[in-house]
């Protein structure tokens, strides 16, 4: 039975209402978890597509001399990638600091919800600036550096608070598995929608404007979802002893906690390696599909859309299967099966998706690109089978890791008398940011080694020149002719990309993912010791201690 806590005034009651016990209120459960879709969609737009937007939309480069047209674009791309890496590393270091602040700070409206709202408002403003600011060339690079740093900062506020609130909602294993499942499910939906939209709609002639529209819609929905959490979700009442421990939190506690909590250290490193593996194929994917099959929604974009559908089917199937599987199999058993399925699927993708045996991959369609039906023609269907399996396997793999991470909080309480959810949970976004920095560095090195930036620079030049020429056109017929000529020019640029460059991308893309996934699995399989029996013992002893403490207090 949930017990609502009285507050001093009706205004405070609306914001401060809490509940007791391990049963999460239905309204809180559904609003909180569904907000994950809009959060992750907004995050993916910046994390996965901002670089693509800059590479293809014509915001980079200057055009007053031959060096401007060839050298400055590459220089700007390198500087942008360096900014990405620096900001992500700095932001990763900021995550545990933010966890410390959340753990120690107190608002009348809750422990987590105020930070979720503040971060949501800031993210909305900064994300719009990233996609709608007008400067080009080096001035855009400067604006990008400022706004991306700010985006990292405000999203960290929201992200740390959101994920710290997940384990705080309940300590019951069944309820925790359920809320983890729902949050992961909605996150997958948000990722799928954003990847689908960004794959299908931008073309060789309208990237800047389409991405701007996507940014506006995504920002509004993201902000609305965070407002819903703030106004309509409840936080679980904090145990007085845990509140006292939180108030005594020091900035060094995050390092002390992971230093003395060996299971937490192991699972944090494993999650870092998992993140590095899981997102590499998608991070490389859009650029590879553009350069192998054609730029725009009718060509490579349609393949990316189908690839994203496979991601959605595989991941959502994983979410749906997770609950029955976790109830029938041990966590380590699930990890092992998912690991081997993913390894085989990655190997098959490399064999059919890259031109290893000729100038074209085994999965190909010789017909002229014409949209979704074309994307299933020829032997292209072979390309969509592997991701169905490795996305599904990785989805279950990830949810098991999340449960393991959350179980480390009870382990810390059992062994040291302190939960400190925010401090422990802040390591998850920390690993996400560090893995993103690693990915950006790998992508930059792979693109430089494969000569990709020279190709994307030519496409970007076409869009910039088109925007200038269209502004001078007098009639709709002239504008249409200019757009068609630009599209033909982009097709010619992509047709000139050789098989060697594509295979270099494949080696970096699939090879790196395999190495990271193998390392993540081995670390957890051989190093993480909190199994189901051990966790049941921990949970039982914690409840016995709390019952004894309540009796003594009475």
Protein backbone atom coordinates (compact mmCIF):
# COMPACT_ATOMS: atom_id res chain seq x y z
CA UNK A 1 0.00 0.00 0.00
CA UNK A 2 1.41 3.38 -0.96
CA UNK A 3 1.40 6.07 1.62
CA UNK A 4 1.38 9.71 0.51
CA UNK A 5 3.28 12.16 2.66
CA UNK A 6 1.60 15.35 3.85
CA UNK A 7 3.28 18.67 3.06
CA UNK A 8 2.91 22.17 4.45
CA UNK A 9 0.88 23.65 1.67
CA UNK A 10 -1.18 22.59 -1.32
CA UNK A 11 1.36 24.06 -3.72
CA UNK A 12 4.15 22.05 -2.16
CA UNK A 13 1.90 18.99 -2.00
CA UNK A 14 1.47 18.98 -5.77
CA UNK A 15 5.21 18.93 -6.41
CA UNK A 16 6.49 17.08 -3.35
CA UNK A 17 4.06 14.17 -3.14
CA UNK A 18 5.99 10.95 -2.63
CA UNK A 19 5.19 7.29 -2.15
CA UNK A 20 6.49 4.45 -0.02
CA UNK A 21 7.16 0.82 -0.81
CA UNK A 22 8.44 -0.89 -3.92
CA UNK A 23 5.26 -0.56 -6.02
CA UNK A 24 5.71 2.35 -8.45
CA UNK A 25 2.53 4.43 -9.05
CA UNK A 26 1.14 3.74 -12.52
CA UNK A 27 1.13 7.38 -13.60
CA UNK A 28 4.75 7.80 -12.55
CA UNK A 29 5.79 4.55 -14.20
CA UNK A 30 4.27 5.35 -17.58
CA UNK A 31 5.05 9.08 -17.79
CA UNK A 32 8.62 8.60 -16.59
CA UNK A 33 9.39 5.69 -18.92
CA UNK A 34 7.63 7.14 -22.00
CA UNK A 35 9.59 10.39 -21.61
CA UNK A 36 12.66 8.31 -22.42
CA UNK A 37 11.54 8.18 -26.07
CA UNK A 38 11.66 11.97 -26.48
CA UNK A 39 14.86 12.29 -24.45
CA UNK A 40 16.68 9.74 -26.54
CA UNK A 41 15.35 11.08 -29.84
CA UNK A 42 16.72 14.53 -28.98
CA UNK A 43 19.99 13.01 -27.80
CA UNK A 44 20.41 10.95 -30.98
CA UNK A 45 19.76 13.99 -33.18
CA UNK A 46 22.78 15.74 -31.68
CA UNK A 47 24.96 12.74 -30.88
CA UNK A 48 24.47 10.77 -34.11
CA UNK A 49 23.40 13.29 -36.76
CA UNK A 50 24.97 16.65 -35.91
CA UNK A 51 28.25 15.65 -37.56
CA UNK A 52 26.38 14.31 -40.60
CA UNK A 53 24.46 17.59 -40.78
CA UNK A 54 27.70 19.57 -40.75
CA UNK A 55 29.45 17.31 -43.27
CA UNK A 56 26.74 17.43 -45.95
CA UNK A 57 24.60 20.55 -45.47
CA UNK A 58 27.03 23.22 -46.66
CA UNK A 59 27.69 25.01 -43.37
CA UNK A 60 31.43 24.29 -43.58
CA UNK A 61 34.17 25.52 -45.90
CA UNK A 62 34.77 28.82 -47.68
CA UNK A 63 35.02 29.32 -51.38
CA UNK A 64 37.23 32.26 -52.28
CA UNK A 65 40.21 30.20 -53.44
CA UNK A 66 41.18 26.65 -54.36
CA UNK A 67 42.71 26.07 -50.92
CA UNK A 68 39.45 27.23 -49.35
CA UNK A 69 37.50 24.69 -51.36
CA UNK A 70 39.78 21.76 -50.52
CA UNK A 71 41.78 22.52 -47.40
CA UNK A 72 39.51 24.46 -45.10
CA UNK A 73 36.69 21.93 -45.18
CA UNK A 74 39.00 19.12 -44.02
CA UNK A 75 40.63 21.40 -41.46
CA UNK A 76 37.23 22.39 -40.09
CA UNK A 77 36.12 18.75 -39.90
CA UNK A 78 39.26 17.83 -37.97
CA UNK A 79 38.78 20.76 -35.57
CA UNK A 80 35.12 19.81 -35.09
CA UNK A 81 36.06 16.22 -34.27
CA UNK A 82 38.68 17.42 -31.81
CA UNK A 83 36.02 19.62 -30.17
CA UNK A 84 33.70 16.61 -30.04
CA UNK A 85 36.32 14.49 -28.30
CA UNK A 86 37.40 17.19 -25.83
CA UNK A 87 33.82 18.12 -24.92
CA UNK A 88 32.76 14.50 -24.50
CA UNK A 89 35.74 13.69 -22.28
CA UNK A 90 35.11 16.83 -20.22
CA UNK A 91 31.43 16.03 -20.07
CA UNK A 92 32.20 12.48 -19.02
CA UNK A 93 34.23 13.84 -16.12
CA UNK A 94 31.35 16.19 -15.34
CA UNK A 95 28.85 13.32 -15.03
CA UNK A 96 30.13 12.02 -11.67
CA UNK A 97 30.41 15.62 -10.44
CA UNK A 98 26.80 16.17 -11.43
CA UNK A 99 25.89 12.96 -9.63
CA UNK A 100 27.56 14.33 -6.51
CA UNK A 101 25.61 17.60 -6.78
CA UNK A 102 22.31 15.76 -7.26
CA UNK A 103 23.08 13.48 -4.34
CA UNK A 104 23.84 16.37 -2.01
CA UNK A 105 21.40 19.08 -3.16
CA UNK A 106 17.79 19.29 -1.99
CA UNK A 107 14.85 21.12 -3.55
CA UNK A 108 11.34 21.42 -2.17
CA UNK A 109 10.08 19.89 -5.41
CA UNK A 110 12.20 16.74 -5.14
CA UNK A 111 15.67 15.29 -5.39
CA UNK A 112 15.71 14.49 -9.11
CA UNK A 113 12.82 16.27 -10.87
CA UNK A 114 14.21 19.84 -10.65
CA UNK A 115 17.43 18.80 -12.39
CA UNK A 116 15.46 16.92 -15.05
CA UNK A 117 13.45 20.08 -15.78
CA UNK A 118 16.40 22.52 -15.73
CA UNK A 119 18.39 20.27 -18.05
CA UNK A 120 15.39 19.82 -20.35
CA UNK A 121 14.85 23.57 -20.76
CA UNK A 122 18.54 24.22 -21.38
CA UNK A 123 18.80 21.36 -23.86
CA UNK A 124 15.87 22.69 -25.88
CA UNK A 125 17.44 26.13 -26.28
CA UNK A 126 20.95 24.94 -27.11
CA UNK A 127 19.85 22.21 -29.54
CA UNK A 128 17.94 24.77 -31.59
CA UNK A 129 21.04 26.97 -31.70
CA UNK A 130 23.17 24.07 -32.99
CA UNK A 131 20.92 23.42 -35.99
CA UNK A 132 19.55 26.89 -36.74
CA UNK A 133 22.50 29.26 -36.31
CA UNK A 134 23.34 30.96 -39.61
CA UNK A 135 27.15 31.45 -39.78
CA UNK A 136 29.18 29.30 -42.18
CA UNK A 137 32.80 28.20 -42.37
CA UNK A 138 35.02 28.94 -39.40
CA UNK A 139 32.36 31.13 -37.80
CA UNK A 140 30.07 28.11 -37.70
CA UNK A 141 32.87 26.04 -36.17
CA UNK A 142 33.20 28.67 -33.43
CA UNK A 143 29.44 28.68 -32.78
CA UNK A 144 29.41 24.90 -32.79
CA UNK A 145 32.18 24.76 -30.17
CA UNK A 146 30.30 27.10 -27.84
CA UNK A 147 26.86 25.58 -28.24
CA UNK A 148 28.06 21.97 -28.16
CA UNK A 149 29.88 22.61 -24.89
CA UNK A 150 26.68 24.12 -23.47
CA UNK A 151 24.61 21.20 -24.80
CA UNK A 152 26.92 18.73 -23.06
CA UNK A 153 26.50 20.66 -19.82
CA UNK A 154 22.70 20.96 -19.80
CA UNK A 155 22.06 17.45 -21.09
CA UNK A 156 24.27 16.08 -18.32
CA UNK A 157 21.99 17.71 -15.74
CA UNK A 158 18.98 16.00 -17.25
CA UNK A 159 20.64 12.68 -17.98
CA UNK A 160 22.25 12.11 -14.59
CA UNK A 161 19.05 13.00 -12.74
CA UNK A 162 16.87 10.84 -15.01
CA UNK A 163 19.01 7.72 -14.69
CA UNK A 164 19.60 8.25 -10.96
CA UNK A 165 15.83 8.34 -10.48
CA UNK A 166 15.41 4.89 -12.10
CA UNK A 167 16.92 2.80 -9.26
CA UNK A 168 15.44 5.16 -6.64
CA UNK A 169 11.88 4.30 -7.73
CA UNK A 170 12.02 0.77 -6.30
CA UNK A 171 14.33 -1.76 -4.65
CA UNK A 172 12.24 -4.80 -5.57
CA UNK A 173 13.96 -6.94 -8.21
CA UNK A 174 10.74 -7.67 -10.13
CA UNK A 175 9.65 -4.02 -10.16
CA UNK A 176 13.15 -2.88 -11.08
CA UNK A 177 13.31 -5.29 -14.00
CA UNK A 178 9.93 -3.94 -15.13
CA UNK A 179 10.85 -0.25 -15.01
CA UNK A 180 14.19 -0.99 -16.67
CA UNK A 181 12.32 -2.81 -19.43
CA UNK A 182 9.89 0.08 -19.98
CA UNK A 183 12.58 2.76 -20.02
CA UNK A 184 14.70 0.73 -22.44
CA UNK A 185 11.66 0.06 -24.65
CA UNK A 186 10.75 3.73 -25.02
CA UNK A 187 14.38 4.71 -25.54
CA UNK A 188 14.49 2.25 -28.44
CA UNK A 189 11.34 3.80 -29.91
CA UNK A 190 12.88 7.28 -29.72
CA UNK A 191 16.09 6.11 -31.34
CA UNK A 192 14.21 4.34 -34.12
CA UNK A 193 12.03 7.34 -34.94
CA UNK A 194 14.95 9.77 -35.03
CA UNK A 195 17.10 7.49 -37.18
CA UNK A 196 14.19 6.89 -39.52
CA UNK A 197 13.38 10.58 -39.93
CA UNK A 198 17.00 11.65 -40.39
CA UNK A 199 17.64 8.84 -42.88
CA UNK A 200 14.59 9.37 -45.06
CA UNK A 201 14.01 13.11 -45.39
CA UNK A 202 17.36 14.94 -45.91
CA UNK A 203 18.46 14.95 -49.56
CA UNK A 204 21.31 16.35 -51.62
CA UNK A 205 19.45 19.64 -52.01
CA UNK A 206 17.68 20.35 -48.69
CA UNK A 207 19.73 18.99 -45.76
CA UNK A 208 20.04 22.30 -43.90
CA UNK A 209 16.31 23.06 -43.88
CA UNK A 210 15.14 19.52 -43.12
CA UNK A 211 17.48 19.16 -40.15
CA UNK A 212 16.25 22.52 -38.85
CA UNK A 213 12.64 21.34 -38.92
CA UNK A 214 13.58 18.08 -37.21
CA UNK A 215 15.42 20.02 -34.49
CA UNK A 216 12.41 22.26 -33.79
CA UNK A 217 9.94 19.36 -33.52
CA UNK A 218 12.31 17.24 -31.44
CA UNK A 219 13.06 20.10 -29.04
CA UNK A 220 9.40 20.86 -28.40
CA UNK A 221 8.51 17.21 -27.73
CA UNK A 222 11.54 16.75 -25.50
CA UNK A 223 10.66 19.77 -23.39
CA UNK A 224 7.02 18.69 -23.10
CA UNK A 225 8.05 15.25 -21.84
CA UNK A 226 10.34 16.71 -19.19
CA UNK A 227 7.61 19.07 -18.02
CA UNK A 228 5.33 16.04 -17.67
CA UNK A 229 7.88 14.32 -15.43
CA UNK A 230 8.24 17.41 -13.27
CA UNK A 231 4.53 18.06 -12.81
CA UNK A 232 3.01 14.58 -12.78
CA UNK A 233 5.61 12.05 -11.55
CA UNK A 234 6.25 11.17 -7.90
CA UNK A 235 9.55 10.38 -6.26
CA UNK A 236 9.91 7.61 -3.69
CA UNK A 237 10.26 8.82 -0.11
CA UNK A 238 13.91 8.81 0.90
CA UNK A 239 14.82 6.77 3.95
CA UNK A 240 16.04 9.19 6.67
CA UNK A 241 19.26 7.25 7.20
CA UNK A 242 19.99 7.30 3.46
CA UNK A 243 19.14 11.00 3.29
CA UNK A 244 21.67 11.67 6.04
CA UNK A 245 24.28 9.66 4.14
CA UNK A 246 23.49 11.60 0.95
CA UNK A 247 23.86 14.93 2.72
CA UNK A 248 27.31 13.86 3.87
CA UNK A 249 28.37 13.01 0.32
CA UNK A 250 31.72 14.40 -0.79
CA UNK A 251 33.03 14.91 -4.31
CA UNK A 252 35.61 12.19 -3.71
CA UNK A 253 32.89 9.66 -2.82
CA UNK A 254 32.33 8.74 -6.45
CA UNK A 255 35.92 7.56 -6.71
CA UNK A 256 35.84 5.94 -3.28
CA UNK A 257 32.60 4.17 -4.14
CA UNK A 258 33.85 2.66 -7.36
CA UNK A 259 37.21 1.93 -5.75
CA UNK A 260 35.75 -0.14 -2.93
CA UNK A 261 32.72 -1.49 -4.82
CA UNK A 262 34.40 -3.98 -7.15
CA UNK A 263 31.18 -5.15 -8.87
CA UNK A 264 30.39 -1.51 -9.72
CA UNK A 265 33.86 -0.98 -11.19
CA UNK A 266 33.56 -4.10 -13.34
CA UNK A 267 30.09 -3.33 -14.69
CA UNK A 268 30.96 0.34 -15.37
CA UNK A 269 33.93 -0.67 -17.53
CA UNK A 270 31.78 -3.32 -19.24
CA UNK A 271 29.08 -0.75 -20.03
CA UNK A 272 31.73 1.59 -21.46
CA UNK A 273 32.95 -1.17 -23.78
CA UNK A 274 29.38 -2.12 -24.68
CA UNK A 275 28.50 1.47 -25.62
CA UNK A 276 31.61 1.68 -27.78
CA UNK A 277 30.60 -1.51 -29.60
CA UNK A 278 26.84 -1.04 -29.88
CA UNK A 279 26.80 2.37 -31.55
CA UNK A 280 29.70 1.98 -33.97
CA UNK A 281 27.72 0.32 -36.75
CA UNK A 282 24.98 2.95 -36.55
CA UNK A 283 27.50 5.81 -36.29
CA UNK A 284 29.30 4.61 -39.40
CA UNK A 285 26.14 3.37 -41.09
CA UNK A 286 24.59 6.53 -42.50
CA UNK A 287 27.84 7.67 -44.11
CA UNK A 288 28.60 4.21 -45.46
CA UNK A 289 25.14 3.75 -46.98
CA UNK A 290 25.30 7.22 -48.54
CA UNK A 291 28.69 6.56 -50.12
CA UNK A 292 27.93 3.00 -51.23
CA UNK A 293 24.33 3.33 -52.45
CA UNK A 294 23.71 7.06 -52.98
CA UNK A 295 22.85 10.17 -50.96
CA UNK A 296 19.25 10.97 -50.03
CA UNK A 297 16.04 9.27 -48.98
CA UNK A 298 15.56 7.44 -52.29
CA UNK A 299 18.96 5.74 -52.15
CA UNK A 300 21.29 5.22 -49.16
CA UNK A 301 18.80 6.95 -46.89
CA UNK A 302 16.12 4.36 -47.66
CA UNK A 303 18.57 1.57 -46.88
CA UNK A 304 19.46 3.30 -43.62
CA UNK A 305 15.75 3.53 -42.85
CA UNK A 306 15.25 -0.20 -43.37
CA UNK A 307 18.40 -0.83 -41.34
CA UNK A 308 16.87 1.30 -38.59
CA UNK A 309 13.63 -0.68 -38.80
CA UNK A 310 15.70 -3.80 -38.23
CA UNK A 311 17.23 -2.03 -35.24
CA UNK A 312 13.75 -1.26 -33.92
CA UNK A 313 12.41 -4.77 -34.49
CA UNK A 314 15.48 -6.40 -32.96
CA UNK A 315 15.65 -4.06 -30.00
CA UNK A 316 11.91 -4.02 -29.25
CA UNK A 317 11.85 -7.81 -29.55
CA UNK A 318 14.68 -7.82 -27.02
CA UNK A 319 12.65 -5.61 -24.68
CA UNK A 320 9.62 -7.88 -24.98
CA UNK A 321 11.67 -11.04 -24.50
CA UNK A 322 13.72 -9.67 -21.63
CA UNK A 323 11.13 -10.15 -18.89
CA UNK A 324 10.30 -13.81 -19.67
CA UNK A 325 13.96 -14.60 -20.35
CA UNK A 326 15.23 -12.99 -17.14
CA UNK A 327 12.62 -14.96 -15.21
CA UNK A 328 13.73 -18.29 -16.69
CA UNK A 329 17.47 -17.87 -17.20
CA UNK A 330 20.26 -16.50 -15.10
CA UNK A 331 21.79 -13.20 -16.12
CA UNK A 332 25.17 -14.70 -17.00
CA UNK A 333 23.48 -17.30 -19.22
CA UNK A 334 21.63 -14.57 -21.12
CA UNK A 335 24.85 -12.60 -21.57
CA UNK A 336 26.63 -15.63 -23.03
CA UNK A 337 23.90 -16.44 -25.57
CA UNK A 338 23.53 -12.80 -26.61
CA UNK A 339 27.29 -12.47 -27.00
CA UNK A 340 27.63 -15.39 -29.40
CA UNK A 341 24.57 -14.37 -31.45
CA UNK A 342 25.97 -10.85 -31.86
CA UNK A 343 29.43 -12.08 -32.86
CA UNK A 344 28.06 -14.30 -35.63
CA UNK A 345 25.72 -11.56 -36.89
CA UNK A 346 28.54 -9.01 -37.10
CA UNK A 347 30.66 -11.44 -39.10
CA UNK A 348 27.81 -12.05 -41.57
CA UNK A 349 27.25 -8.29 -41.96
CA UNK A 350 30.90 -7.80 -42.88
CA UNK A 351 30.74 -10.55 -45.51
CA UNK A 352 27.56 -9.39 -47.27
CA UNK A 353 27.67 -5.62 -46.68
CA UNK A 354 31.08 -4.67 -48.05
CA UNK A 355 32.69 -5.10 -51.50
CA UNK A 356 35.20 -7.75 -50.41
CA UNK A 357 34.98 -9.90 -53.54
CA UNK A 358 34.27 -7.35 -56.30
CA UNK A 359 33.60 -3.64 -56.70
CA UNK A 360 30.12 -4.18 -55.20
CA UNK A 361 29.00 -5.89 -51.97
CA UNK A 362 27.07 -9.16 -52.08
CA UNK A 363 24.01 -7.21 -50.91
CA UNK A 364 23.32 -4.85 -53.82
CA UNK A 365 20.69 -3.65 -56.29
CA UNK A 366 21.80 -2.56 -59.77
CA UNK A 367 18.54 -0.75 -60.51
CA UNK A 368 18.33 3.04 -60.19
CA UNK A 369 17.50 4.11 -56.60
CA UNK A 370 13.79 4.81 -56.19
CA UNK A 371 12.90 4.52 -52.51
CA UNK A 372 11.82 1.75 -50.16
CA UNK A 373 10.82 -0.78 -52.82
CA UNK A 374 14.24 -0.40 -54.42
CA UNK A 375 15.83 -0.95 -50.99
CA UNK A 376 14.45 -4.51 -51.02
CA UNK A 377 15.38 -5.25 -54.63
CA UNK A 378 18.26 -7.36 -55.92
CA UNK A 379 20.13 -8.99 -53.05
CA UNK A 380 19.78 -6.04 -50.66
CA UNK A 381 17.57 -8.10 -48.35
CA UNK A 382 20.73 -9.93 -47.25
CA UNK A 383 21.87 -6.69 -45.63
CA UNK A 384 18.97 -6.57 -43.20
CA UNK A 385 19.18 -10.02 -41.62
CA UNK A 386 22.38 -9.57 -39.51
CA UNK A 387 21.29 -6.34 -37.77
CA UNK A 388 18.04 -7.99 -36.71
CA UNK A 389 20.09 -10.46 -34.69
CA UNK A 390 22.91 -8.32 -33.34
CA UNK A 391 20.61 -5.44 -32.38
CA UNK A 392 18.30 -7.89 -30.63
CA UNK A 393 21.14 -9.65 -28.84
CA UNK A 394 22.73 -6.35 -27.85
CA UNK A 395 19.41 -5.09 -26.50
CA UNK A 396 19.14 -7.97 -24.03
CA UNK A 397 22.86 -7.73 -23.27
CA UNK A 398 22.45 -4.05 -22.36
CA UNK A 399 19.41 -4.53 -20.13
CA UNK A 400 21.23 -7.23 -18.20
CA UNK A 401 24.13 -4.81 -17.69
CA UNK A 402 21.72 -2.11 -16.46
CA UNK A 403 20.21 -4.49 -13.91
CA UNK A 404 23.71 -5.44 -12.80
CA UNK A 405 24.60 -1.76 -12.40
CA UNK A 406 21.50 -1.07 -10.32
CA UNK A 407 22.14 -4.13 -8.16
CA UNK A 408 25.49 -2.63 -7.24
CA UNK A 409 23.55 0.06 -5.32
CA UNK A 410 22.01 -2.55 -3.01
CA UNK A 411 25.42 -4.20 -2.73
CA UNK A 412 26.88 -0.88 -1.58
CA UNK A 413 24.06 -0.44 0.94
CA UNK A 414 24.48 -4.01 2.20
CA UNK A 415 28.24 -3.77 2.60
CA UNK A 416 28.77 -0.11 3.53
CA UNK A 417 25.35 1.12 4.69
CA UNK A 418 24.96 3.70 1.89
CA UNK A 419 22.93 3.59 -1.33
CA UNK A 420 23.92 6.85 -3.08
CA UNK A 421 21.96 6.13 -6.27
CA UNK A 422 22.95 9.36 -7.99
CA UNK A 423 26.67 8.77 -7.47
CA UNK A 424 26.49 5.18 -8.73
CA UNK A 425 24.13 5.95 -11.61
CA UNK A 426 26.24 8.88 -12.81
CA UNK A 427 28.82 6.38 -14.04
CA UNK A 428 26.41 5.22 -16.77
CA UNK A 429 26.25 8.58 -18.60
CA UNK A 430 29.95 9.00 -17.83
CA UNK A 431 30.72 5.81 -19.77
CA UNK A 432 28.31 6.85 -22.54
CA UNK A 433 30.15 10.15 -23.05
CA UNK A 434 33.60 8.57 -22.95
CA UNK A 435 32.54 5.90 -25.43
CA UNK A 436 31.11 8.62 -27.70
CA UNK A 437 34.45 10.42 -27.55
CA UNK A 438 36.19 7.18 -28.49
CA UNK A 439 33.75 6.64 -31.36
CA UNK A 440 34.25 10.16 -32.70
CA UNK A 441 38.00 9.63 -32.64
CA UNK A 442 37.72 6.26 -34.41
CA UNK A 443 35.39 7.68 -37.05
CA UNK A 444 37.71 10.61 -37.73
CA UNK A 445 40.75 8.34 -38.10
CA UNK A 446 38.86 5.86 -40.29
CA UNK A 447 37.44 8.57 -42.55
CA UNK A 448 40.85 10.18 -42.93
CA UNK A 449 42.47 6.82 -43.72
CA UNK A 450 39.73 6.00 -46.26
CA UNK A 451 39.72 9.46 -47.89
CA UNK A 452 36.05 10.02 -47.01
CA UNK A 453 36.29 13.68 -46.03
CA UNK A 454 37.41 14.64 -49.52
CA UNK A 455 34.20 13.08 -50.86
CA UNK A 456 31.86 14.68 -48.33
CA UNK A 457 33.55 18.04 -48.94
CA UNK A 458 32.58 17.84 -52.61
CA UNK A 459 28.96 17.07 -51.65
CA UNK A 460 28.93 19.95 -49.18
CA UNK A 461 30.27 22.27 -51.89
CA UNK A 462 27.43 21.24 -54.18
CA UNK A 463 24.83 22.16 -51.54
CA UNK A 464 26.49 25.52 -50.83
CA UNK A 465 26.74 26.42 -54.49
CA UNK A 466 23.15 25.30 -55.04
CA UNK A 467 21.89 27.56 -52.24
CA UNK A 468 23.70 30.51 -53.83
CA UNK A 469 22.45 29.75 -57.35
CA UNK A 470 18.86 29.15 -56.23
CA UNK A 471 18.80 32.52 -54.48
CA UNK A 472 19.54 34.14 -57.86
CA UNK A 473 17.07 32.06 -59.87
CA UNK A 474 14.05 33.94 -61.23
CA UNK A 475 11.54 31.12 -61.81
CA UNK A 476 10.49 27.81 -60.29
CA UNK A 477 11.63 26.06 -63.45
CA UNK A 478 15.14 27.46 -63.04
CA UNK A 479 15.23 26.37 -59.40
CA UNK A 480 14.06 22.85 -60.27
CA UNK A 481 16.69 22.57 -62.99
CA UNK A 482 19.42 23.70 -60.59
CA UNK A 483 18.30 21.17 -57.98
CA UNK A 484 18.29 18.34 -60.52
CA UNK A 485 21.75 19.31 -61.76
CA UNK A 486 23.03 19.35 -58.17
CA UNK A 487 21.52 15.92 -57.49
CA UNK A 488 23.19 14.53 -60.62
CA UNK A 489 26.51 16.02 -59.55
CA UNK A 490 26.25 14.37 -56.13
CA UNK A 491 25.43 11.02 -57.77
CA UNK A 492 28.56 11.31 -59.91
CA UNK A 493 30.71 12.09 -56.86
CA UNK A 494 29.43 9.03 -55.00
CA UNK A 495 29.80 6.76 -58.04
CA UNK A 496 33.52 7.58 -58.07
CA UNK A 497 34.12 6.15 -54.56
CA UNK A 498 36.27 3.01 -54.90
CA UNK A 499 35.83 -0.35 -53.16
CA UNK A 500 39.03 0.08 -51.15
CA UNK A 501 37.67 3.09 -49.28
CA UNK A 502 34.46 1.22 -48.47
CA UNK A 503 36.35 -1.81 -47.15
CA UNK A 504 38.54 0.37 -44.95
CA UNK A 505 35.34 1.75 -43.41
CA UNK A 506 34.07 -1.81 -42.92
CA UNK A 507 37.20 -2.96 -41.13
CA UNK A 508 37.01 -0.03 -38.73
CA UNK A 509 33.25 -0.33 -38.30
CA UNK A 510 32.80 -4.06 -37.72
CA UNK A 511 36.27 -4.93 -36.42
CA UNK A 512 36.19 -2.31 -33.67
CA UNK A 513 32.66 -3.31 -32.62
CA UNK A 514 33.71 -6.96 -32.31
CA UNK A 515 36.75 -6.15 -30.19
CA UNK A 516 34.80 -3.95 -27.79
CA UNK A 517 31.95 -6.46 -27.42
CA UNK A 518 34.35 -9.34 -26.73
CA UNK A 519 36.12 -7.30 -24.05
CA UNK A 520 32.82 -6.29 -22.41
CA UNK A 521 31.54 -9.85 -22.24
CA UNK A 522 34.77 -11.33 -20.89
CA UNK A 523 35.00 -8.71 -18.16
CA UNK A 524 31.48 -9.35 -16.84
CA UNK A 525 31.55 -13.11 -17.34
CA UNK A 526 34.75 -13.61 -15.38
CA UNK A 527 34.65 -10.67 -12.96
CA UNK A 528 31.08 -9.86 -11.85
CA UNK A 529 29.99 -11.97 -8.87
CA UNK A 530 26.52 -10.68 -7.85
CA UNK A 531 24.34 -13.50 -9.17
CA UNK A 532 20.66 -14.08 -8.41
CA UNK A 533 21.30 -16.00 -5.18
CA UNK A 534 23.74 -13.41 -3.85
CA UNK A 535 21.35 -10.55 -4.66
CA UNK A 536 18.45 -12.30 -2.90
CA UNK A 537 20.66 -12.61 0.18
CA UNK A 538 21.57 -8.91 -0.01
CA UNK A 539 17.94 -7.83 -0.41
CA UNK A 540 16.80 -10.02 2.50
CA UNK A 541 19.45 -8.75 4.89
CA UNK A 542 18.80 -5.10 4.00
CA UNK A 543 15.08 -5.50 4.76
CA UNK A 544 15.88 -7.22 8.05
CA UNK A 545 18.17 -4.36 9.05
CA UNK A 546 15.54 -1.76 8.13
CA UNK A 547 12.84 -3.60 10.08
CA UNK A 548 15.11 -3.81 13.12
CA UNK A 549 15.97 -0.11 12.85
CA UNK A 550 12.27 0.81 12.67
CA UNK A 551 11.53 -1.29 15.75
CA UNK A 552 14.30 0.41 17.70
CA UNK A 553 13.05 3.83 16.57
CA UNK A 554 9.53 3.01 17.82
